[in-house]
Amino acid sequence: MANFLSQGDCPTIKNLLLLDSEGKRVAVKYYSDEWPTNSTKLAFEKTIFSKTQKTNARSEAEITMLENNIIVYKFVQDLHFFVTASDGENELILASVLQGFFDAVALLLRNNVDHREALENMDLILLCLDEIVDGGIILETDGSVIAGKVASHTMDDGSPMSEQSISHALATAREHLTRSLLR
């Protein structure tokens, strides 16, 4: 990962959002208490979507300002990728976070970046969000590194339940329940 630290100043992200073509949540992660309730988060997502839906952010990332926030975003097929940070943050860093997010999702979904495929692989996308940012601090921006870490999490069958992917944990729980019912 590129070293973004300068004079003790660490860039922070307020949220990572993946919305569908109607502005509804696919996968979101908030790192700021600026939106304390689910309703304020949904209102923010609706505002972002309304402000950006008329733009053509398909080939390259676009940047906009909203309520003292910088929002970097990109649309692919029927998915809308967003990164939000304070207005004092560096747009190039935010763009690299967005590109890493998109590249990792594209790799994990085998370039089938669409709403249906994202929903079918929600566990991978949520793990992806966790590998990119932790508590608002940028951990990684290289999409192939992010995807590699996510893939290694999902292949590690010997890991404890808390470290397994959501779908694998649910499958394991379903299998145990089935066994107990058949006894």
C-alpha atoms as a PDB file:
ATOM      1  CA  MET A   1       0.000   0.000   0.000  1.00  0.00           C
ATOM      2  CA  ALA A   2       1.199   3.470  -0.766  1.00  0.00           C
ATOM      3  CA  ASN A   3       2.147   5.447   2.317  1.00  0.00           C
ATOM      4  CA  PHE A   4      -0.470   8.194   2.667  1.00  0.00           C
ATOM      5  CA  LEU A   5       0.699   9.447   6.057  1.00  0.00           C
ATOM      6  CA  SER A   6       2.178  12.915   6.144  1.00  0.00           C
ATOM      7  CA  GLN A   7       3.148  14.841   9.248  1.00  0.00           C
ATOM      8  CA  GLY A   8       1.002  12.655  11.508  1.00  0.00           C
ATOM      9  CA  ASP A   9      -2.073  13.342   9.418  1.00  0.00           C
ATOM     10  CA  CYS A  10      -3.939  10.207   8.420  1.00  0.00           C
ATOM     11  CA  PRO A  11      -6.677  10.495   5.794  1.00  0.00           C
ATOM     12  CA  THR A  12      -9.995   9.105   6.954  1.00  0.00           C
ATOM     13  CA  ILE A  13     -13.076   7.853   5.176  1.00  0.00           C
ATOM     14  CA  LYS A  14     -16.603   8.531   6.446  1.00  0.00           C
ATOM     15  CA  ASN A  15     -18.305   5.770   4.475  1.00  0.00           C
ATOM     16  CA  LEU A  16     -18.119   3.348   1.581  1.00  0.00           C
ATOM     17  CA  LEU A  17     -21.387   2.846  -0.269  1.00  0.00           C
ATOM     18  CA  LEU A  18     -22.516   0.433  -2.945  1.00  0.00           C
ATOM     19  CA  LEU A  19     -25.994   1.307  -4.199  1.00  0.00           C
ATOM     20  CA  ASP A  20     -28.119  -0.139  -6.980  1.00  0.00           C
ATOM     21  CA  SER A  21     -29.478   1.740  -9.999  1.00  0.00           C
ATOM     22  CA  GLU A  22     -32.469   2.922  -7.937  1.00  0.00           C
ATOM     23  CA  GLY A  23     -30.333   4.249  -5.079  1.00  0.00           C
ATOM     24  CA  LYS A  24     -31.096   1.371  -2.724  1.00  0.00           C
ATOM     25  CA  ARG A  25     -28.438  -0.229  -0.545  1.00  0.00           C
ATOM     26  CA  VAL A  26     -26.453  -3.169  -1.755  1.00  0.00           C
ATOM     27  CA  ALA A  27     -23.573  -2.902   0.745  1.00  0.00           C
ATOM     28  CA  VAL A  28     -22.678   0.064   2.951  1.00  0.00           C
ATOM     29  CA  LYS A  29     -20.229   0.704   5.740  1.00  0.00           C
ATOM     30  CA  TYR A  30     -20.182   3.869   7.864  1.00  0.00           C
ATOM     31  CA  TYR A  31     -17.122   4.919   9.873  1.00  0.00           C
ATOM     32  CA  SER A  32     -18.391   8.270  11.133  1.00  0.00           C
ATOM     33  CA  ASP A  33     -21.041   9.111  13.724  1.00  0.00           C
ATOM     34  CA  GLU A  34     -22.158  11.999  11.519  1.00  0.00           C
ATOM     35  CA  TRP A  35     -25.189   9.865  10.605  1.00  0.00           C
ATOM     36  CA  PRO A  36     -26.209   8.361  13.964  1.00  0.00           C
ATOM     37  CA  THR A  37     -29.393   6.553  12.934  1.00  0.00           C
ATOM     38  CA  ASN A  38     -30.337   4.280  10.086  1.00  0.00           C
ATOM     39  CA  SER A  39     -32.869   6.853   8.859  1.00  0.00           C
ATOM     40  CA  THR A  40     -30.197   9.588   8.626  1.00  0.00           C
ATOM     41  CA  LYS A  41     -27.932   7.166   6.750  1.00  0.00           C
ATOM     42  CA  LEU A  42     -30.721   6.285   4.313  1.00  0.00           C
ATOM     43  CA  ALA A  43     -31.511   9.982   3.812  1.00  0.00           C
ATOM     44  CA  PHE A  44     -27.828  10.689   3.083  1.00  0.00           C
ATOM     45  CA  GLU A  45     -27.702   7.816   0.576  1.00  0.00           C
ATOM     46  CA  LYS A  46     -30.854   9.100  -1.128  1.00  0.00           C
ATOM     47  CA  THR A  47     -29.386  12.620  -1.337  1.00  0.00           C
ATOM     48  CA  ILE A  48     -26.102  11.346  -2.802  1.00  0.00           C
ATOM     49  CA  PHE A  49     -27.932   9.212  -5.337  1.00  0.00           C
ATOM     50  CA  SER A  50     -30.227  12.064  -6.390  1.00  0.00           C
ATOM     51  CA  LYS A  51     -27.296  14.453  -6.764  1.00  0.00           C
ATOM     52  CA  THR A  52     -25.195  12.063  -8.848  1.00  0.00           C
ATOM     53  CA  GLN A  53     -27.659  10.017 -10.914  1.00  0.00           C
ATOM     54  CA  LYS A  54     -27.709  12.487 -13.828  1.00  0.00           C
ATOM     55  CA  THR A  55     -23.919  12.405 -14.206  1.00  0.00           C
ATOM     56  CA  ASN A  56     -22.013  10.022 -16.422  1.00  0.00           C
ATOM     57  CA  ALA A  57     -19.413   8.548 -14.073  1.00  0.00           C
ATOM     58  CA  ARG A  58     -19.005   5.359 -16.073  1.00  0.00           C
ATOM     59  CA  SER A  59     -15.470   5.492 -17.426  1.00  0.00           C
ATOM     60  CA  GLU A  60     -13.720   7.480 -14.709  1.00  0.00           C
ATOM     61  CA  ALA A  61     -14.474   8.537 -11.163  1.00  0.00           C
ATOM     62  CA  GLU A  62     -16.299  11.823 -10.611  1.00  0.00           C
ATOM     63  CA  ILE A  63     -16.041  14.123  -7.595  1.00  0.00           C
ATOM     64  CA  THR A  64     -18.745  16.217  -5.969  1.00  0.00           C
ATOM     65  CA  MET A  65     -19.297  18.146  -2.734  1.00  0.00           C
ATOM     66  CA  LEU A  66     -22.265  17.625  -0.436  1.00  0.00           C
ATOM     67  CA  GLU A  67     -22.764  19.002   3.082  1.00  0.00           C
ATOM     68  CA  ASN A  68     -19.019  19.632   3.700  1.00  0.00           C
ATOM     69  CA  ASN A  69     -18.168  16.192   2.336  1.00  0.00           C
ATOM     70  CA  ILE A  70     -16.189  15.145  -0.701  1.00  0.00           C
ATOM     71  CA  ILE A  71     -17.815  12.287  -2.547  1.00  0.00           C
ATOM     72  CA  VAL A  72     -15.916  10.319  -5.166  1.00  0.00           C
ATOM     73  CA  TYR A  73     -18.085   7.979  -7.186  1.00  0.00           C
ATOM     74  CA  LYS A  74     -18.226   5.674 -10.167  1.00  0.00           C
ATOM     75  CA  PHE A  75     -21.046   3.770 -11.867  1.00  0.00           C
ATOM     76  CA  VAL A  76     -20.631   0.312 -13.368  1.00  0.00           C
ATOM     77  CA  GLN A  77     -23.585  -1.479 -14.967  1.00  0.00           C
ATOM     78  CA  ASP A  78     -26.396  -1.130 -12.400  1.00  0.00           C
ATOM     79  CA  LEU A  79     -24.107  -0.495  -9.393  1.00  0.00           C
ATOM     80  CA  HIS A  80     -23.027   2.852  -7.971  1.00  0.00           C
ATOM     81  CA  PHE A  81     -19.791   2.968  -5.929  1.00  0.00           C
ATOM     82  CA  PHE A  82     -19.249   5.896  -3.501  1.00  0.00           C
ATOM     83  CA  VAL A  83     -16.508   6.988  -1.097  1.00  0.00           C
ATOM     84  CA  THR A  84     -17.241   9.882   1.283  1.00  0.00           C
ATOM     85  CA  ALA A  85     -14.755  11.895   3.342  1.00  0.00           C
ATOM     86  CA  SER A  86     -14.412  15.331   4.942  1.00  0.00           C
ATOM     87  CA  ASP A  87     -13.945  18.232   2.554  1.00  0.00           C
ATOM     88  CA  GLY A  88     -10.324  18.630   3.672  1.00  0.00           C
ATOM     89  CA  GLU A  89      -9.242  15.183   2.458  1.00  0.00           C
ATOM     90  CA  ASN A  90      -7.191  14.611  -0.676  1.00  0.00           C
ATOM     91  CA  GLU A  91      -9.361  13.717  -3.689  1.00  0.00           C
ATOM     92  CA  LEU A  92      -6.592  11.599  -5.232  1.00  0.00           C
ATOM     93  CA  ILE A  93      -6.437   9.394  -2.149  1.00  0.00           C
ATOM     94  CA  LEU A  94     -10.225   9.044  -2.175  1.00  0.00           C
ATOM     95  CA  ALA A  95     -10.117   8.174  -5.872  1.00  0.00           C
ATOM     96  CA  SER A  96      -7.528   5.461  -5.167  1.00  0.00           C
ATOM     97  CA  VAL A  97      -9.775   4.027  -2.422  1.00  0.00           C
ATOM     98  CA  LEU A  98     -12.718   4.029  -4.848  1.00  0.00           C
ATOM     99  CA  GLN A  99     -10.655   2.390  -7.598  1.00  0.00           C
ATOM    100  CA  GLY A 100      -9.358  -0.247  -5.167  1.00  0.00           C
ATOM    101  CA  PHE A 101     -12.934  -0.946  -4.031  1.00  0.00           C
ATOM    102  CA  PHE A 102     -14.124  -1.304  -7.616  1.00  0.00           C
ATOM    103  CA  ASP A 103     -11.114  -3.375  -8.770  1.00  0.00           C
ATOM    104  CA  ALA A 104     -11.462  -5.789  -5.833  1.00  0.00           C
ATOM    105  CA  VAL A 105     -15.199  -6.240  -6.454  1.00  0.00           C
ATOM    106  CA  ALA A 106     -14.568  -6.773 -10.179  1.00  0.00           C
ATOM    107  CA  LEU A 107     -11.938  -9.429  -9.427  1.00  0.00           C
ATOM    108  CA  LEU A 108     -14.100 -11.183  -6.832  1.00  0.00           C
ATOM    109  CA  LEU A 109     -17.142 -11.166  -9.132  1.00  0.00           C
ATOM    110  CA  ARG A 110     -15.033 -12.289 -12.117  1.00  0.00           C
ATOM    111  CA  ASN A 111     -15.854  -9.049 -13.980  1.00  0.00           C
ATOM    112  CA  ASN A 112     -19.620  -9.686 -13.671  1.00  0.00           C
ATOM    113  CA  VAL A 113     -20.111  -6.416 -11.802  1.00  0.00           C
ATOM    114  CA  ASP A 114     -23.879  -6.170 -11.584  1.00  0.00           C
ATOM    115  CA  HIS A 115     -26.587  -6.031  -8.932  1.00  0.00           C
ATOM    116  CA  ARG A 116     -27.592  -9.702  -9.086  1.00  0.00           C
ATOM    117  CA  GLU A 117     -24.015 -10.954  -8.903  1.00  0.00           C
ATOM    118  CA  ALA A 118     -23.270  -8.534  -6.038  1.00  0.00           C
ATOM    119  CA  LEU A 119     -26.232  -9.837  -4.035  1.00  0.00           C
ATOM    120  CA  GLU A 120     -25.190 -13.445  -4.645  1.00  0.00           C
ATOM    121  CA  ASN A 121     -21.686 -12.638  -3.376  1.00  0.00           C
ATOM    122  CA  MET A 122     -22.579 -10.218  -0.581  1.00  0.00           C
ATOM    123  CA  ASP A 123     -20.214 -11.965   1.833  1.00  0.00           C
ATOM    124  CA  LEU A 124     -17.257 -11.227  -0.453  1.00  0.00           C
ATOM    125  CA  ILE A 125     -18.248  -7.570  -0.851  1.00  0.00           C
ATOM    126  CA  LEU A 126     -18.647  -7.078   2.913  1.00  0.00           C
ATOM    127  CA  LEU A 127     -15.251  -8.677   3.528  1.00  0.00           C
ATOM    128  CA  CYS A 128     -13.872  -6.419   0.811  1.00  0.00           C
ATOM    129  CA  LEU A 129     -15.143  -3.329   2.669  1.00  0.00           C
ATOM    130  CA  ASP A 130     -13.446  -4.588   5.843  1.00  0.00           C
ATOM    131  CA  GLU A 131     -10.127  -5.043   4.034  1.00  0.00           C
ATOM    132  CA  ILE A 132     -10.184  -1.527   2.550  1.00  0.00           C
ATOM    133  CA  VAL A 133     -11.037   0.598   5.598  1.00  0.00           C
ATOM    134  CA  ASP A 134     -11.092  -0.072   9.335  1.00  0.00           C
ATOM    135  CA  GLY A 135     -12.654   2.499  11.621  1.00  0.00           C
ATOM    136  CA  GLY A 136     -12.300   5.117   8.898  1.00  0.00           C
ATOM    137  CA  ILE A 137      -8.565   4.485   8.423  1.00  0.00           C
ATOM    138  CA  ILE A 138      -7.505   3.382   4.943  1.00  0.00           C
ATOM    139  CA  LEU A 139      -5.819  -0.021   5.113  1.00  0.00           C
ATOM    140  CA  GLU A 140      -5.397  -0.927   1.453  1.00  0.00           C
ATOM    141  CA  THR A 141      -6.094   0.556  -1.980  1.00  0.00           C
ATOM    142  CA  ASP A 142      -4.715  -2.124  -4.314  1.00  0.00           C
ATOM    143  CA  GLY A 143      -7.687  -4.084  -5.667  1.00  0.00           C
ATOM    144  CA  SER A 144      -5.722  -7.280  -6.297  1.00  0.00           C
ATOM    145  CA  VAL A 145      -4.326  -7.274  -2.736  1.00  0.00           C
ATOM    146  CA  ILE A 146      -7.812  -6.642  -1.314  1.00  0.00           C
ATOM    147  CA  ALA A 147      -9.344  -9.427  -3.427  1.00  0.00           C
ATOM    148  CA  GLY A 148      -6.507 -11.777  -2.460  1.00  0.00           C
ATOM    149  CA  LYS A 149      -7.101 -11.187   1.243  1.00  0.00           C
ATOM    150  CA  VAL A 150     -10.854 -11.715   0.825  1.00  0.00           C
ATOM    151  CA  ALA A 151     -10.275 -14.913  -1.170  1.00  0.00           C
ATOM    152  CA  SER A 152      -7.891 -16.240   1.487  1.00  0.00           C
ATOM    153  CA  HIS A 153     -10.529 -15.587   4.183  1.00  0.00           C
ATOM    154  CA  THR A 154     -13.163 -17.570   2.316  1.00  0.00           C
ATOM    155  CA  MET A 155     -10.818 -20.501   1.588  1.00  0.00           C
ATOM    156  CA  ASP A 156      -9.641 -20.917   5.175  1.00  0.00           C
ATOM    157  CA  ASP A 157     -12.029 -23.635   6.356  1.00  0.00           C
ATOM    158  CA  GLY A 158     -10.050 -24.186   9.555  1.00  0.00           C
ATOM    159  CA  SER A 159     -10.696 -20.673  10.820  1.00  0.00           C
ATOM    160  CA  PRO A 160     -13.024 -20.055  13.768  1.00  0.00           C
ATOM    161  CA  MET A 161     -16.671 -19.230  13.039  1.00  0.00           C
ATOM    162  CA  SER A 162     -16.079 -15.495  13.687  1.00  0.00           C
ATOM    163  CA  GLU A 163     -13.534 -15.315  10.868  1.00  0.00           C
ATOM    164  CA  GLN A 164     -15.472 -17.255   8.247  1.00  0.00           C
ATOM    165  CA  SER A 165     -17.376 -15.553   5.493  1.00  0.00           C
ATOM    166  CA  ILE A 166     -21.033 -14.924   6.247  1.00  0.00           C
ATOM    167  CA  SER A 167     -22.318 -17.382   3.654  1.00  0.00           C
ATOM    168  CA  HIS A 168     -19.972 -20.107   4.816  1.00  0.00           C
ATOM    169  CA  ALA A 169     -20.968 -19.532   8.436  1.00  0.00           C
ATOM    170  CA  LEU A 170     -24.656 -19.729   7.472  1.00  0.00           C
ATOM    171  CA  ALA A 171     -24.044 -22.904   5.462  1.00  0.00           C
ATOM    172  CA  THR A 172     -22.244 -24.469   8.433  1.00  0.00           C
ATOM    173  CA  ALA A 173     -25.076 -23.483  10.782  1.00  0.00           C
ATOM    174  CA  ARG A 174     -27.667 -24.853   8.336  1.00  0.00           C
ATOM    175  CA  GLU A 175     -25.762 -28.141   8.106  1.00  0.00           C
ATOM    176  CA  HIS A 176     -25.590 -28.478  11.913  1.00  0.00           C
ATOM    177  CA  LEU A 177     -29.309 -27.713  12.217  1.00  0.00           C
ATOM    178  CA  THR A 178     -30.178 -30.285   9.563  1.00  0.00           C
ATOM    179  CA  ARG A 179     -28.079 -32.936  11.320  1.00  0.00           C
ATOM    180  CA  SER A 180     -29.703 -32.198  14.682  1.00  0.00           C
ATOM    181  CA  LEU A 181     -33.217 -32.393  13.179  1.00  0.00           C
ATOM    182  CA  LEU A 182     -32.483 -35.708  11.474  1.00  0.00           C
ATOM    183  CA  ARG A 183     -31.322 -37.403  14.697  1.00  0.00           C
END
